[in-house]
């Protein structure tokens, strides 16, 4: 038996609001952790100067 996985075809963003707080999500198709750390993540951080907390997840 083989495992199958779905992958992202293109970048995606999401927004969730709850009790005056905003939670933003970003998903990008990448081939390595370095690819996200040095390209997309920098772009996100530049656009969100007032961010109070940043949580990063990487699924390989």
C-alpha atoms as a PDB file:
ATOM      1  CA  UNK A   1       0.000   0.000   0.000  1.00  0.00           C
ATOM      2  CA  UNK A   2       1.269   3.483  -0.907  1.00  0.00           C
ATOM      3  CA  UNK A   3       0.695   6.702   0.996  1.00  0.00           C
ATOM      4  CA  UNK A   4      -0.724   9.590  -0.986  1.00  0.00           C
ATOM      5  CA  UNK A   5      -0.603  13.264  -0.115  1.00  0.00           C
ATOM      6  CA  UNK A   6      -2.158  16.414  -1.468  1.00  0.00           C
ATOM      7  CA  UNK A   7       0.096  19.425  -1.941  1.00  0.00           C
ATOM      8  CA  UNK A   8      -0.484  23.102  -2.513  1.00  0.00           C
ATOM      9  CA  UNK A   9      -0.675  24.246  -6.122  1.00  0.00           C
ATOM     10  CA  UNK A  10      -0.349  27.944  -5.268  1.00  0.00           C
ATOM     11  CA  UNK A  11       0.046  30.247  -2.234  1.00  0.00           C
ATOM     12  CA  UNK A  12      -2.983  30.783  -0.017  1.00  0.00           C
ATOM     13  CA  UNK A  13      -3.944  33.209   2.768  1.00  0.00           C
ATOM     14  CA  UNK A  14      -6.642  33.182   5.420  1.00  0.00           C
ATOM     15  CA  UNK A  15      -8.106  35.470   8.085  1.00  0.00           C
ATOM     16  CA  UNK A  16      -9.973  34.537  11.266  1.00  0.00           C
ATOM     17  CA  UNK A  17     -11.394  37.149  13.665  1.00  0.00           C
ATOM     18  CA  UNK A  18     -12.408  36.423  17.253  1.00  0.00           C
ATOM     19  CA  UNK A  19     -13.145  38.818  20.124  1.00  0.00           C
ATOM     20  CA  UNK A  20     -11.224  41.733  18.623  1.00  0.00           C
ATOM     21  CA  UNK A  21      -8.212  39.653  17.594  1.00  0.00           C
ATOM     22  CA  UNK A  22      -7.141  38.802  14.068  1.00  0.00           C
ATOM     23  CA  UNK A  23      -5.401  35.581  13.141  1.00  0.00           C
ATOM     24  CA  UNK A  24      -3.716  35.481   9.743  1.00  0.00           C
ATOM     25  CA  UNK A  25      -2.601  32.327   7.987  1.00  0.00           C
ATOM     26  CA  UNK A  26      -0.311  31.859   5.016  1.00  0.00           C
ATOM     27  CA  UNK A  27       0.466  28.663   3.119  1.00  0.00           C
ATOM     28  CA  UNK A  28       3.076  28.277   0.389  1.00  0.00           C
ATOM     29  CA  UNK A  29       4.174  25.359  -1.763  1.00  0.00           C
ATOM     30  CA  UNK A  30       7.911  24.911  -1.094  1.00  0.00           C
ATOM     31  CA  UNK A  31      10.520  22.191  -1.506  1.00  0.00           C
ATOM     32  CA  UNK A  32      12.608  22.952   1.582  1.00  0.00           C
ATOM     33  CA  UNK A  33      12.490  24.808   4.892  1.00  0.00           C
ATOM     34  CA  UNK A  34      15.206  27.184   3.663  1.00  0.00           C
ATOM     35  CA  UNK A  35      13.035  28.204   0.727  1.00  0.00           C
ATOM     36  CA  UNK A  36      10.289  29.521   3.018  1.00  0.00           C
ATOM     37  CA  UNK A  37      12.637  31.032   5.596  1.00  0.00           C
ATOM     38  CA  UNK A  38      14.568  33.133   3.124  1.00  0.00           C
ATOM     39  CA  UNK A  39      11.895  34.230   0.677  1.00  0.00           C
ATOM     40  CA  UNK A  40       8.210  34.149   1.574  1.00  0.00           C
ATOM     41  CA  UNK A  41       8.661  34.564   5.320  1.00  0.00           C
ATOM     42  CA  UNK A  42      10.677  37.764   4.868  1.00  0.00           C
ATOM     43  CA  UNK A  43       7.953  39.189   2.620  1.00  0.00           C
ATOM     44  CA  UNK A  44       5.270  38.412   5.208  1.00  0.00           C
ATOM     45  CA  UNK A  45       7.242  39.941   8.080  1.00  0.00           C
ATOM     46  CA  UNK A  46       7.873  43.136   6.089  1.00  0.00           C
ATOM     47  CA  UNK A  47       4.162  43.531   5.402  1.00  0.00           C
ATOM     48  CA  UNK A  48       3.142  42.978   9.040  1.00  0.00           C
ATOM     49  CA  UNK A  49       5.209  45.454  11.048  1.00  0.00           C
ATOM     50  CA  UNK A  50       2.683  45.625  13.940  1.00  0.00           C
ATOM     51  CA  UNK A  51       2.492  41.873  14.467  1.00  0.00           C
ATOM     52  CA  UNK A  52       2.551  40.867  18.139  1.00  0.00           C
ATOM     53  CA  UNK A  53       3.322  37.197  17.722  1.00  0.00           C
ATOM     54  CA  UNK A  54       4.473  35.046  14.834  1.00  0.00           C
ATOM     55  CA  UNK A  55       4.110  31.283  14.800  1.00  0.00           C
ATOM     56  CA  UNK A  56       5.795  29.295  12.052  1.00  0.00           C
ATOM     57  CA  UNK A  57       5.044  25.725  11.007  1.00  0.00           C
ATOM     58  CA  UNK A  58       6.810  23.690   8.371  1.00  0.00           C
ATOM     59  CA  UNK A  59       5.504  20.350   7.233  1.00  0.00           C
ATOM     60  CA  UNK A  60       7.848  18.136   5.278  1.00  0.00           C
END
